[in-house]
Amino acid sequence: MTENKSSEKFLKGTFILTIASFVVKVIGSLNWIFVSRILGGEGIGLYQMAFPIYFFAMTISQAGVPVAISIITAERVALKDIFGAKRVFRISMLLMLVTGIFFSVLTYFAADWLIDWQFIRDPRAHLSIVALSPTIFFVTFLASSRGYLQGWQRMTPTAVSQIVEQIFRVIIMIVLADLFLPMGLDYAAAGASLGALAGAVTGLIVLVYFHIKLNRDIERTYGLDLKPLPETAHESTLSIIKRIFKLALPVSAASIMLPVVSNLDLMIVPQRLEVAGYSVRQATELFGYLTGMAVPLINLATILTASLAVSIVPAISEARALKDTARIFRQTAAAVRISNFVCFPAFVVVFFLATPIASLIYNAPGAGPAVMISAVSIILLGLHQVSTGVLQGLGHTTIPMVNMILAAVAKVILNWTLTAMPALGIMGAAWATAADMGVAAFINLYFIHKYIGYKMEVGQLFKTIAASGAMALVVKFFYDLTIAEWHMEIFSTFGAIFTGCVVYMATLAMIGGLLEEDMARIPLIGRFGTKIFRKLGIFKTKEGV
């Protein structure tokens, strides 16, 4: 495969996943608007108390196998070992069958214990945990199937299945939450939790179709008589399992840190809010503001970097298998540039318009402070996602795990200290989350520099910051002026966002912060945009990705 085709495949995959993620996040955001209005902050808090338990069990049950499948599949496809790729997938799915059943059953029976030992402080979350437990079984298969298809650098199956999964999840979530509300908030939150099961089952059905399609393509390209490469012909099942776990366990441990941190938040944040002077109900509501409202906004702002992190793993694994170090460097540089390009303006929007956004989306202006401070996490989370994907693609899957442990320690200390301060409260927890992402991201970047010599382009970074500063001034001025004159929240908020984005792009173009090679490789709009900017004489090109 030529480098241009490889780069186009990598960026096309990113584009497909980004569009799908955007659709999924929009649907999810609309969902939270309705669900938040049905359940309120207290009901959302109950749902969010159960969700980290489910997320933790789900992550352990997968044991990092999906990423390992993606890495190994990409390597074997690059070397034309199609038999080996299919064999690895079969073995991994058997592992998923066992772990999925085990952790679904374990979560179901552990619900009472979690309440009795006050790991979960509000006993009304019990039903939500029980409702989420069977979803773990289906999600393990769903994630592993996506990993295999991503190893072939086929991102469309993941995209389509994510959209279908989200649609069914949202429909069932809203319908059951509203249906069960007369029975109490605990039943309504449990009804909302059942949406995850509906989504996982329908998403898995979609992937079955794409697996059939892939097998037909393999038959047309490679024939029916697939044979292993000589060096892997006698590879035992045990050795394959060892290779899977060698890659998967560090990835799993790193992934586990997300639900571990969520569960630590669950144990620490409400308790420390009580120390700060809030009642149990108030602490639950504030916890819902942070985890159920602020965090989804942060995730929405980083959908592109999340897509980059997924698509860059098989792309770098392929380049590493072919010993193409130059391509690895260029793909890494492009990913970091794109992360900063998107995340800095997203930070500006969420930080300066936190309360209006919380009011418009969630009808919860009280979530404004948590949303505002959480905006800092956007930039740091984007860098963390991309840098983690690069290290995983390089085969250094242990490093992100260690870095996330170090970051989690910092977050626990800050959560315990800052959240209990009456002047900060839930904002202290938001600052702790930002610190968590920052520590992990910058240690990741250190190791990327160590292994491939990449350093973040300081000049490019300063240009992005300068353009973001100009955007911030315009956003703040436009919103304050229009809200004072016309008192139209929707117009002022979206007008400020649109005007700010225009100023950001114009400023970045004028100071040479837009690179021609980056624009040219954006699917669909890249070539057209490049022609326009060339006519305007804006681009300052250089050798790059």
Protein backbone atom coordinates (compact mmCIF):
# COMPACT_ATOMS: atom_id res chain seq x y z
CA MET A 1 0.00 0.00 0.00
CA THR A 2 1.38 3.40 -0.94
CA GLU A 3 1.73 6.06 1.73
CA ASN A 4 -0.86 8.34 0.15
CA LYS A 5 -3.42 5.54 0.08
CA SER A 6 -2.56 4.64 3.66
CA SER A 7 -2.95 8.26 4.80
CA GLU A 8 -6.23 8.59 2.93
CA LYS A 9 -7.48 5.35 4.49
CA PHE A 10 -6.49 6.54 7.95
CA LEU A 11 -8.13 9.95 7.57
CA LYS A 12 -11.17 8.49 5.82
CA GLY A 13 -11.64 6.15 8.76
CA THR A 14 -11.31 9.07 11.13
CA PHE A 15 -13.84 11.07 9.12
CA ILE A 16 -16.37 8.21 9.09
CA LEU A 17 -16.04 7.66 12.83
CA THR A 18 -16.24 11.38 13.51
CA ILE A 19 -19.48 11.77 11.56
CA ALA A 20 -20.93 8.72 13.30
CA SER A 21 -19.75 9.95 16.69
CA PHE A 22 -21.25 13.36 16.02
CA VAL A 23 -24.59 11.80 15.10
CA VAL A 24 -24.42 9.55 18.16
CA LYS A 25 -23.54 12.45 20.45
CA VAL A 26 -26.27 14.65 19.03
CA ILE A 27 -28.79 11.88 19.55
CA GLY A 28 -27.37 11.33 23.02
CA SER A 29 -27.53 15.03 23.85
CA LEU A 30 -31.13 15.22 22.71
CA ASN A 31 -31.75 12.13 24.79
CA TRP A 32 -30.30 13.77 27.91
CA ILE A 33 -32.49 16.82 27.31
CA PHE A 34 -35.61 14.65 27.52
CA VAL A 35 -34.31 12.31 30.21
CA SER A 36 -33.05 15.21 32.34
CA ARG A 37 -36.47 16.81 32.14
CA ILE A 38 -38.11 13.51 33.09
CA LEU A 39 -35.75 12.49 35.89
CA GLY A 40 -34.33 15.84 37.00
CA GLY A 41 -30.92 16.25 38.61
CA GLU A 42 -31.75 13.75 41.37
CA GLY A 43 -32.89 11.04 38.99
CA ILE A 44 -29.87 11.59 36.76
CA GLY A 45 -27.71 11.28 39.85
CA LEU A 46 -29.25 7.86 40.59
CA TYR A 47 -28.58 6.71 37.02
CA GLN A 48 -25.00 7.99 37.19
CA MET A 49 -24.40 6.15 40.47
CA ALA A 50 -25.21 2.83 38.79
CA PHE A 51 -23.49 3.52 35.49
CA PRO A 52 -19.86 3.49 36.81
CA ILE A 53 -20.49 0.00 38.26
CA TYR A 54 -21.71 -1.24 34.89
CA PHE A 55 -18.88 0.52 33.07
CA PHE A 56 -16.30 -1.02 35.39
CA ALA A 57 -17.65 -4.57 34.97
CA MET A 58 -17.99 -4.10 31.20
CA THR A 59 -14.38 -2.91 30.87
CA ILE A 60 -12.99 -5.81 32.89
CA SER A 61 -15.07 -8.32 30.94
CA GLN A 62 -13.55 -7.12 27.65
CA ALA A 63 -10.04 -7.20 29.17
CA GLY A 64 -8.67 -4.91 26.45
CA VAL A 65 -9.21 -7.60 23.82
CA PRO A 66 -10.87 -5.29 21.23
CA VAL A 67 -7.78 -3.08 20.97
CA ALA A 68 -5.52 -6.13 20.89
CA ILE A 69 -7.62 -7.59 18.07
CA SER A 70 -7.34 -4.33 16.13
CA ILE A 71 -3.54 -4.23 16.55
CA ILE A 72 -2.90 -7.89 15.68
CA THR A 73 -5.39 -7.90 12.80
CA ALA A 74 -3.81 -4.79 11.26
CA GLU A 75 -0.34 -6.35 11.52
CA ARG A 76 -1.42 -9.64 9.93
CA VAL A 77 -3.45 -8.03 7.17
CA ALA A 78 -0.43 -5.82 6.33
CA LEU A 79 1.65 -9.00 6.00
CA LYS A 80 -1.15 -10.79 4.02
CA ASP A 81 -1.68 -13.35 6.78
CA ILE A 82 -5.47 -13.47 6.41
CA PHE A 83 -5.76 -16.96 7.90
CA GLY A 84 -3.95 -15.76 11.01
CA ALA A 85 -6.17 -12.69 11.37
CA LYS A 86 -9.35 -14.78 11.21
CA ARG A 87 -7.95 -17.32 13.66
CA VAL A 88 -7.09 -14.64 16.20
CA PHE A 89 -10.64 -13.31 15.96
CA ARG A 90 -12.20 -16.73 16.58
CA ILE A 91 -10.08 -17.33 19.65
CA SER A 92 -10.79 -13.88 21.06
CA MET A 93 -14.54 -14.32 20.68
CA LEU A 94 -14.43 -17.50 22.76
CA LEU A 95 -12.69 -15.53 25.49
CA MET A 96 -15.39 -12.89 25.31
CA LEU A 97 -18.15 -15.49 25.67
CA VAL A 98 -16.74 -16.65 28.99
CA THR A 99 -15.97 -13.24 30.46
CA GLY A 100 -19.23 -11.69 29.29
CA ILE A 101 -21.37 -14.30 31.05
CA PHE A 102 -19.26 -14.20 34.21
CA PHE A 103 -19.35 -10.45 34.73
CA SER A 104 -23.03 -10.08 33.85
CA VAL A 105 -23.92 -12.58 36.56
CA LEU A 106 -21.42 -11.08 39.02
CA THR A 107 -22.81 -7.55 38.57
CA TYR A 108 -26.36 -8.75 39.09
CA PHE A 109 -25.61 -10.47 42.40
CA ALA A 110 -23.21 -7.74 43.60
CA ALA A 111 -25.90 -5.03 43.56
CA ASP A 112 -27.08 -5.79 47.12
CA TRP A 113 -23.54 -5.87 48.48
CA LEU A 114 -22.68 -2.51 46.95
CA ILE A 115 -25.66 -0.94 48.72
CA ASP A 116 -25.15 -2.73 52.05
CA TRP A 117 -21.52 -1.66 52.28
CA GLN A 118 -22.48 1.88 51.23
CA PHE A 119 -20.17 1.80 48.26
CA ILE A 120 -23.21 3.42 46.70
CA ARG A 121 -24.63 5.84 49.22
CA ASP A 122 -28.15 6.09 47.81
CA PRO A 123 -29.96 2.67 47.94
CA ARG A 124 -32.40 3.80 45.25
CA ALA A 125 -29.65 3.09 42.64
CA HIS A 126 -30.01 -0.68 43.25
CA LEU A 127 -32.57 -1.28 40.50
CA SER A 128 -30.45 0.56 37.92
CA ILE A 129 -27.47 -1.73 38.61
CA VAL A 130 -29.64 -4.83 38.20
CA ALA A 131 -31.11 -3.45 34.96
CA LEU A 132 -27.65 -2.80 33.48
CA SER A 133 -26.12 -6.18 34.36
CA PRO A 134 -27.27 -8.26 31.30
CA THR A 135 -25.97 -5.58 28.93
CA ILE A 136 -22.38 -6.52 29.79
CA PHE A 137 -22.68 -9.86 27.98
CA PHE A 138 -23.75 -8.30 24.70
CA VAL A 139 -21.36 -5.35 24.86
CA THR A 140 -18.31 -7.63 25.08
CA PHE A 141 -19.19 -9.21 21.73
CA LEU A 142 -20.07 -5.83 20.27
CA ALA A 143 -16.71 -4.28 21.17
CA SER A 144 -14.64 -7.26 20.01
CA SER A 145 -16.41 -7.42 16.66
CA ARG A 146 -15.69 -3.73 16.12
CA GLY A 147 -12.05 -4.27 17.03
CA TYR A 148 -11.63 -6.95 14.37
CA LEU A 149 -13.27 -4.86 11.64
CA GLN A 150 -11.20 -1.83 12.67
CA GLY A 151 -8.08 -3.96 12.28
CA TRP A 152 -9.05 -4.23 8.62
CA GLN A 153 -9.35 -0.41 8.76
CA ARG A 154 -13.05 -0.75 8.03
CA MET A 155 -14.62 1.95 10.15
CA THR A 156 -18.05 2.02 8.48
CA PRO A 157 -19.32 -1.04 10.44
CA THR A 158 -18.38 0.64 13.70
CA ALA A 159 -20.02 3.87 12.58
CA VAL A 160 -23.30 2.30 11.46
CA SER A 161 -23.57 0.03 14.48
CA GLN A 162 -22.91 2.97 16.84
CA ILE A 163 -25.71 4.99 15.28
CA VAL A 164 -28.20 2.10 15.35
CA GLU A 165 -27.18 1.23 18.90
CA GLN A 166 -27.69 4.81 20.04
CA ILE A 167 -31.06 5.22 18.35
CA PHE A 168 -32.51 2.14 20.03
CA ARG A 169 -30.85 2.97 23.35
CA VAL A 170 -32.35 6.47 23.36
CA ILE A 171 -35.85 5.39 22.35
CA ILE A 172 -36.06 2.71 25.03
CA MET A 173 -34.42 4.97 27.62
CA ILE A 174 -36.93 7.79 27.18
CA VAL A 175 -39.98 5.55 26.87
CA LEU A 176 -39.21 3.43 29.93
CA ALA A 177 -38.05 6.35 32.08
CA ASP A 178 -41.36 8.12 31.45
CA LEU A 179 -43.37 4.91 31.79
CA PHE A 180 -41.86 3.97 35.16
CA LEU A 181 -41.76 7.50 36.63
CA PRO A 182 -45.11 7.17 38.46
CA MET A 183 -43.59 4.22 40.36
CA GLY A 184 -40.77 6.42 41.70
CA LEU A 185 -37.41 7.85 40.65
CA ASP A 186 -35.61 4.56 41.34
CA TYR A 187 -37.85 2.70 38.87
CA ALA A 188 -37.59 5.50 36.32
CA ALA A 189 -33.76 5.44 36.50
CA ALA A 190 -33.82 1.65 36.14
CA GLY A 191 -36.09 1.96 33.10
CA ALA A 192 -33.63 4.40 31.56
CA SER A 193 -30.82 1.92 32.24
CA LEU A 194 -32.55 -0.75 30.14
CA GLY A 195 -31.94 1.37 27.07
CA ALA A 196 -28.31 0.21 27.07
CA LEU A 197 -29.42 -3.41 26.63
CA ALA A 198 -31.65 -2.60 23.67
CA GLY A 199 -28.85 -0.65 22.01
CA ALA A 200 -26.22 -3.37 22.49
CA VAL A 201 -28.43 -6.10 21.00
CA THR A 202 -29.38 -4.09 17.90
CA GLY A 203 -25.79 -2.90 17.38
CA LEU A 204 -24.57 -6.50 17.47
CA ILE A 205 -27.13 -7.52 14.85
CA VAL A 206 -25.78 -4.81 12.54
CA LEU A 207 -22.20 -6.04 12.96
CA VAL A 208 -23.20 -9.59 12.02
CA TYR A 209 -24.17 -8.23 8.60
CA PHE A 210 -20.80 -6.49 8.16
CA HIS A 211 -18.89 -9.62 9.18
CA ILE A 212 -20.72 -11.56 6.48
CA LYS A 213 -19.86 -8.81 3.98
CA LEU A 214 -16.18 -8.85 5.00
CA ASN A 215 -15.97 -12.63 4.60
CA ARG A 216 -17.40 -12.35 1.09
CA ASP A 217 -14.79 -9.70 0.22
CA ILE A 218 -12.03 -11.91 1.62
CA GLU A 219 -13.23 -14.83 -0.50
CA ARG A 220 -13.21 -12.68 -3.66
CA THR A 221 -9.76 -11.25 -2.96
CA TYR A 222 -7.89 -14.15 -1.36
CA GLY A 223 -9.99 -17.18 -2.30
CA LEU A 224 -11.46 -19.86 -0.08
CA ASP A 225 -8.23 -21.74 0.58
CA LEU A 226 -6.61 -19.47 3.16
CA LYS A 227 -3.30 -20.66 4.60
CA PRO A 228 -1.15 -19.25 7.41
CA LEU A 229 2.26 -17.75 6.77
CA PRO A 230 5.16 -20.19 7.26
CA GLU A 231 6.29 -18.42 10.44
CA THR A 232 2.79 -18.70 11.98
CA ALA A 233 1.69 -22.05 10.55
CA HIS A 234 2.50 -23.95 13.74
CA GLU A 235 1.50 -21.24 16.19
CA SER A 236 -0.49 -22.79 19.02
CA THR A 237 -3.74 -21.49 20.44
CA LEU A 238 -1.97 -20.90 23.74
CA SER A 239 0.69 -18.70 22.12
CA ILE A 240 -2.03 -16.65 20.39
CA ILE A 241 -3.85 -16.20 23.69
CA LYS A 242 -0.58 -15.11 25.31
CA ARG A 243 -0.01 -12.53 22.56
CA ILE A 244 -3.56 -11.25 22.92
CA PHE A 245 -3.21 -10.85 26.65
CA LYS A 246 0.25 -9.32 26.38
CA LEU A 247 -1.33 -6.49 24.41
CA ALA A 248 -4.76 -6.60 26.01
CA LEU A 249 -4.00 -6.59 29.72
CA PRO A 250 -2.20 -3.23 29.80
CA VAL A 251 -4.92 -1.76 27.56
CA SER A 252 -7.53 -3.25 29.85
CA ALA A 253 -5.82 -1.88 32.93
CA ALA A 254 -5.67 1.56 31.31
CA SER A 255 -9.34 1.31 30.29
CA ILE A 256 -10.27 0.08 33.75
CA MET A 257 -8.85 3.28 35.17
CA LEU A 258 -11.80 5.18 33.64
CA PRO A 259 -14.47 3.26 35.59
CA VAL A 260 -12.13 3.03 38.58
CA VAL A 261 -11.87 6.82 38.60
CA SER A 262 -15.65 7.06 38.10
CA ASN A 263 -16.21 4.80 41.08
CA LEU A 264 -13.72 6.78 43.13
CA ASP A 265 -15.69 9.89 42.17
CA LEU A 266 -18.83 8.10 43.29
CA MET A 267 -17.29 7.33 46.68
CA ILE A 268 -15.49 10.63 47.22
CA VAL A 269 -17.39 13.46 45.53
CA PRO A 270 -20.86 13.13 47.18
CA GLN A 271 -19.24 12.46 50.56
CA ARG A 272 -16.91 15.45 50.33
CA LEU A 273 -19.77 17.64 49.13
CA GLU A 274 -21.55 16.71 52.34
CA VAL A 275 -18.43 17.80 54.25
CA ALA A 276 -18.64 21.10 52.37
CA GLY A 277 -22.11 21.61 53.82
CA TYR A 278 -24.52 20.08 51.29
CA SER A 279 -27.30 17.63 52.15
CA VAL A 280 -27.40 14.11 50.67
CA ARG A 281 -30.00 15.18 48.11
CA GLN A 282 -28.06 18.32 47.19
CA ALA A 283 -24.83 16.30 46.85
CA THR A 284 -26.63 13.80 44.59
CA GLU A 285 -27.94 16.65 42.44
CA LEU A 286 -24.51 18.30 42.13
CA PHE A 287 -22.97 14.92 41.29
CA GLY A 288 -25.57 14.58 38.53
CA TYR A 289 -24.64 18.03 37.22
CA LEU A 290 -20.99 17.01 36.88
CA THR A 291 -21.22 13.42 35.66
CA GLY A 292 -24.54 13.51 33.81
CA MET A 293 -24.40 16.97 32.27
CA ALA A 294 -20.88 18.44 32.21
CA VAL A 295 -19.06 15.23 31.25
CA PRO A 296 -21.34 14.44 28.25
CA LEU A 297 -20.64 17.95 26.92
CA ILE A 298 -16.90 17.34 27.23
CA ASN A 299 -17.24 14.04 25.41
CA LEU A 300 -19.25 15.74 22.67
CA ALA A 301 -16.47 18.29 22.20
CA THR A 302 -13.87 15.54 21.76
CA ILE A 303 -15.63 13.28 19.27
CA LEU A 304 -13.01 13.96 16.59
CA THR A 305 -10.09 13.13 18.85
CA ALA A 306 -11.87 10.00 20.06
CA SER A 307 -12.24 8.94 16.42
CA LEU A 308 -8.59 9.73 15.77
CA ALA A 309 -7.60 7.57 18.72
CA VAL A 310 -9.52 4.61 17.30
CA SER A 311 -8.38 4.91 13.68
CA ILE A 312 -4.75 5.69 14.45
CA VAL A 313 -4.16 2.40 16.28
CA PRO A 314 -4.41 0.07 13.23
CA ALA A 315 -2.81 2.72 10.98
CA ILE A 316 0.31 2.94 13.14
CA SER A 317 0.29 -0.82 13.74
CA GLU A 318 0.36 -1.32 9.97
CA ALA A 319 3.22 1.16 9.53
CA ARG A 320 5.13 -0.48 12.37
CA ALA A 321 4.68 -3.94 10.80
CA LEU A 322 6.12 -2.51 7.55
CA LYS A 323 8.89 -0.68 9.50
CA ASP A 324 7.83 2.69 8.04
CA THR A 325 8.97 5.03 10.83
CA ALA A 326 8.56 8.17 8.75
CA ARG A 327 4.86 7.46 8.26
CA ILE A 328 4.43 6.86 11.99
CA PHE A 329 5.95 10.27 12.77
CA ARG A 330 3.81 12.10 10.22
CA GLN A 331 0.57 10.45 11.30
CA THR A 332 1.32 11.28 14.93
CA ALA A 333 2.06 14.93 14.12
CA ALA A 334 -1.16 15.25 12.11
CA ALA A 335 -3.24 13.71 14.89
CA VAL A 336 -1.88 16.11 17.53
CA ARG A 337 -2.35 19.15 15.27
CA ILE A 338 -5.94 18.18 14.53
CA SER A 339 -6.59 17.60 18.23
CA ASN A 340 -5.45 21.10 19.14
CA PHE A 341 -7.21 22.63 16.14
CA VAL A 342 -10.57 21.28 17.30
CA CYS A 343 -10.25 21.24 21.08
CA PHE A 344 -9.09 24.81 21.72
CA PRO A 345 -12.16 26.50 20.16
CA ALA A 346 -14.40 23.90 21.81
CA PHE A 347 -12.89 24.89 25.15
CA VAL A 348 -13.63 28.57 24.44
CA VAL A 349 -17.29 27.87 23.66
CA VAL A 350 -17.97 25.67 26.68
CA PHE A 351 -15.99 27.82 29.14
CA PHE A 352 -17.46 31.20 28.25
CA LEU A 353 -21.01 29.98 27.56
CA ALA A 354 -21.27 27.34 30.28
CA THR A 355 -24.41 28.56 32.04
CA PRO A 356 -26.37 29.44 28.86
CA ILE A 357 -25.50 26.04 27.38
CA ALA A 358 -26.54 24.23 30.57
CA SER A 359 -29.80 26.18 30.60
CA LEU A 360 -30.64 25.57 26.96
CA ILE A 361 -29.67 21.91 26.81
CA TYR A 362 -30.53 20.61 30.27
CA ASN A 363 -32.79 23.32 31.70
CA ALA A 364 -30.33 23.30 34.59
CA PRO A 365 -28.50 26.63 35.00
CA GLY A 366 -27.17 25.28 38.30
CA ALA A 367 -24.87 23.02 36.26
CA GLY A 368 -23.09 26.08 34.83
CA PRO A 369 -20.13 26.17 37.27
CA ALA A 370 -19.39 22.45 36.81
CA VAL A 371 -19.63 22.81 33.03
CA MET A 372 -17.37 25.88 32.96
CA ILE A 373 -14.49 24.30 34.87
CA SER A 374 -14.92 20.99 33.04
CA ALA A 375 -14.22 22.84 29.78
CA VAL A 376 -10.52 22.79 30.67
CA SER A 377 -10.64 19.01 30.29
CA ILE A 378 -11.51 19.29 26.59
CA ILE A 379 -7.99 20.22 25.46
CA LEU A 380 -6.31 17.76 27.82
CA LEU A 381 -8.68 14.89 27.04
CA GLY A 382 -8.11 15.35 23.30
CA LEU A 383 -4.34 15.08 23.74
CA HIS A 384 -4.76 12.12 26.04
CA GLN A 385 -6.96 10.22 23.60
CA VAL A 386 -4.67 10.77 20.62
CA SER A 387 -1.43 10.07 22.49
CA THR A 388 -2.88 6.88 23.96
CA GLY A 389 -3.84 5.67 20.47
CA VAL A 390 -0.33 6.36 19.18
CA LEU A 391 1.33 4.44 22.01
CA GLN A 392 -1.05 1.51 21.57
CA GLY A 393 -0.36 1.42 17.85
CA LEU A 394 3.37 1.38 18.60
CA GLY A 395 2.83 -1.68 20.77
CA HIS A 396 3.65 0.14 24.02
CA THR A 397 0.31 -0.63 25.61
CA THR A 398 1.67 -0.68 29.17
CA ILE A 399 2.64 3.00 29.22
CA PRO A 400 -0.88 4.52 29.07
CA MET A 401 -1.92 2.19 31.89
CA VAL A 402 0.88 3.37 34.20
CA ASN A 403 0.26 6.99 33.27
CA MET A 404 -3.44 6.73 34.05
CA ILE A 405 -2.68 5.22 37.44
CA LEU A 406 -0.42 8.16 38.26
CA ALA A 407 -3.07 10.56 37.00
CA ALA A 408 -5.77 8.83 39.05
CA VAL A 409 -3.72 9.24 42.22
CA ALA A 410 -3.46 12.96 41.53
CA LYS A 411 -7.21 13.15 40.94
CA VAL A 412 -8.09 11.34 44.16
CA ILE A 413 -5.93 13.72 46.19
CA LEU A 414 -7.42 16.79 44.50
CA ASN A 415 -10.98 15.45 44.72
CA TRP A 416 -10.63 14.83 48.42
CA THR A 417 -9.14 18.26 49.04
CA LEU A 418 -10.91 20.61 46.63
CA THR A 419 -14.46 19.22 46.68
CA ALA A 420 -14.75 19.68 50.45
CA MET A 421 -13.98 23.40 50.15
CA PRO A 422 -17.28 25.33 50.39
CA ALA A 423 -15.96 27.96 47.95
CA LEU A 424 -15.39 25.30 45.28
CA GLY A 425 -17.68 22.33 45.92
CA ILE A 426 -18.47 20.57 42.65
CA MET A 427 -16.07 22.90 40.81
CA GLY A 428 -13.26 21.34 42.85
CA ALA A 429 -14.21 17.92 41.44
CA ALA A 430 -14.18 19.41 37.93
CA TRP A 431 -10.67 20.80 38.47
CA ALA A 432 -9.55 17.38 39.70
CA THR A 433 -10.87 15.79 36.51
CA ALA A 434 -8.93 18.27 34.38
CA ALA A 435 -5.75 17.51 36.32
CA ASP A 436 -6.33 13.78 35.79
CA MET A 437 -6.45 14.19 32.00
CA GLY A 438 -3.50 16.59 31.96
CA VAL A 439 -1.11 14.40 33.90
CA ALA A 440 -1.86 11.35 31.73
CA ALA A 441 -1.63 13.32 28.47
CA PHE A 442 1.72 14.98 29.08
CA ILE A 443 3.40 11.81 30.31
CA ASN A 444 2.10 10.06 27.17
CA LEU A 445 3.65 12.79 25.02
CA TYR A 446 6.96 12.37 26.80
CA PHE A 447 7.11 8.69 25.87
CA ILE A 448 6.03 9.36 22.30
CA HIS A 449 9.00 11.72 22.03
CA LYS A 450 11.23 9.05 23.53
CA TYR A 451 10.21 6.37 21.02
CA ILE A 452 9.73 8.28 17.75
CA GLY A 453 11.32 11.67 18.45
CA TYR A 454 8.09 13.62 18.07
CA LYS A 455 7.74 16.99 19.83
CA MET A 456 4.60 19.09 19.74
CA GLU A 457 5.01 21.89 17.20
CA VAL A 458 5.30 24.91 19.51
CA GLY A 459 4.83 27.51 16.78
CA GLN A 460 1.69 25.82 15.54
CA LEU A 461 0.40 25.56 19.12
CA PHE A 462 0.92 29.28 19.79
CA LYS A 463 -0.96 30.18 16.61
CA THR A 464 -3.88 28.00 17.71
CA ILE A 465 -3.86 29.63 21.15
CA ALA A 466 -3.76 33.13 19.61
CA ALA A 467 -6.72 32.37 17.35
CA SER A 468 -8.60 30.91 20.33
CA GLY A 469 -7.92 34.08 22.31
CA ALA A 470 -9.43 36.21 19.56
CA MET A 471 -12.39 33.87 19.46
CA ALA A 472 -12.88 34.15 23.24
CA LEU A 473 -13.06 37.95 23.07
CA VAL A 474 -15.66 37.85 20.30
CA VAL A 475 -17.77 35.16 21.97
CA LYS A 476 -17.89 37.03 25.27
CA PHE A 477 -18.57 40.42 23.66
CA PHE A 478 -21.27 39.11 21.28
CA TYR A 479 -23.14 37.21 24.00
CA ASP A 480 -23.06 40.00 26.59
CA LEU A 481 -24.12 42.64 24.05
CA THR A 482 -26.99 40.71 22.47
CA ILE A 483 -28.40 39.24 25.69
CA ALA A 484 -28.51 42.72 27.21
CA GLU A 485 -30.21 44.22 24.15
CA TRP A 486 -32.68 41.52 23.10
CA HIS A 487 -32.82 39.00 25.99
CA MET A 488 -32.93 36.11 23.50
CA GLU A 489 -30.94 33.25 25.04
CA ILE A 490 -30.96 30.98 21.98
CA PHE A 491 -29.94 33.72 19.56
CA SER A 492 -27.23 35.09 21.83
CA THR A 493 -25.72 31.66 22.55
CA PHE A 494 -25.70 30.24 19.04
CA GLY A 495 -24.87 33.60 17.49
CA ALA A 496 -21.84 33.88 19.78
CA ILE A 497 -20.73 30.35 18.84
CA PHE A 498 -21.08 30.95 15.10
CA THR A 499 -19.38 34.35 15.17
CA GLY A 500 -16.60 33.03 17.37
CA CYS A 501 -15.91 30.09 15.04
CA VAL A 502 -15.72 32.41 12.03
CA VAL A 503 -13.24 34.66 13.84
CA TYR A 504 -11.20 31.63 14.95
CA MET A 505 -10.88 30.25 11.41
CA ALA A 506 -10.14 33.67 9.91
CA THR A 507 -7.51 34.48 12.53
CA LEU A 508 -5.88 31.09 12.20
CA ALA A 509 -5.76 31.45 8.42
CA MET A 510 -4.28 34.96 8.56
CA ILE A 511 -1.46 34.01 10.94
CA GLY A 512 -0.57 30.85 9.02
CA GLY A 513 -2.04 28.36 11.48
CA LEU A 514 -3.91 26.38 8.82
CA LEU A 515 -1.66 23.94 6.98
CA GLU A 516 -2.41 23.06 3.38
CA GLU A 517 -1.53 19.40 3.80
CA ASP A 518 -4.01 19.05 6.67
CA MET A 519 -6.82 20.70 4.74
CA ALA A 520 -6.10 18.72 1.56
CA ARG A 521 -6.54 15.37 3.27
CA ILE A 522 -9.86 16.10 4.94
CA PRO A 523 -12.36 13.86 3.13
CA LEU A 524 -15.05 15.47 0.96
CA ILE A 525 -14.31 19.13 1.71
CA GLY A 526 -10.50 19.09 1.68
CA ARG A 527 -9.82 19.65 -2.01
CA PHE A 528 -12.48 22.31 -2.35
CA GLY A 529 -11.27 24.12 0.75
CA THR A 530 -7.67 23.99 -0.45
CA LYS A 531 -8.56 25.61 -3.76
CA ILE A 532 -10.43 28.42 -2.02
CA PHE A 533 -7.59 29.17 0.38
CA ARG A 534 -5.03 29.07 -2.43
CA LYS A 535 -6.99 31.69 -4.36
CA LEU A 536 -7.12 33.84 -1.25
CA GLY A 537 -3.36 33.44 -0.83
CA ILE A 538 -3.75 32.32 2.77
CA PHE A 539 -1.92 28.99 2.95
CA LYS A 540 1.65 28.77 4.15
CA THR A 541 2.65 25.25 3.22
CA LYS A 542 5.39 23.08 4.59
CA GLU A 543 6.44 19.47 4.41
CA GLY A 544 4.26 17.41 6.68
CA VAL A 545 1.70 14.72 6.87
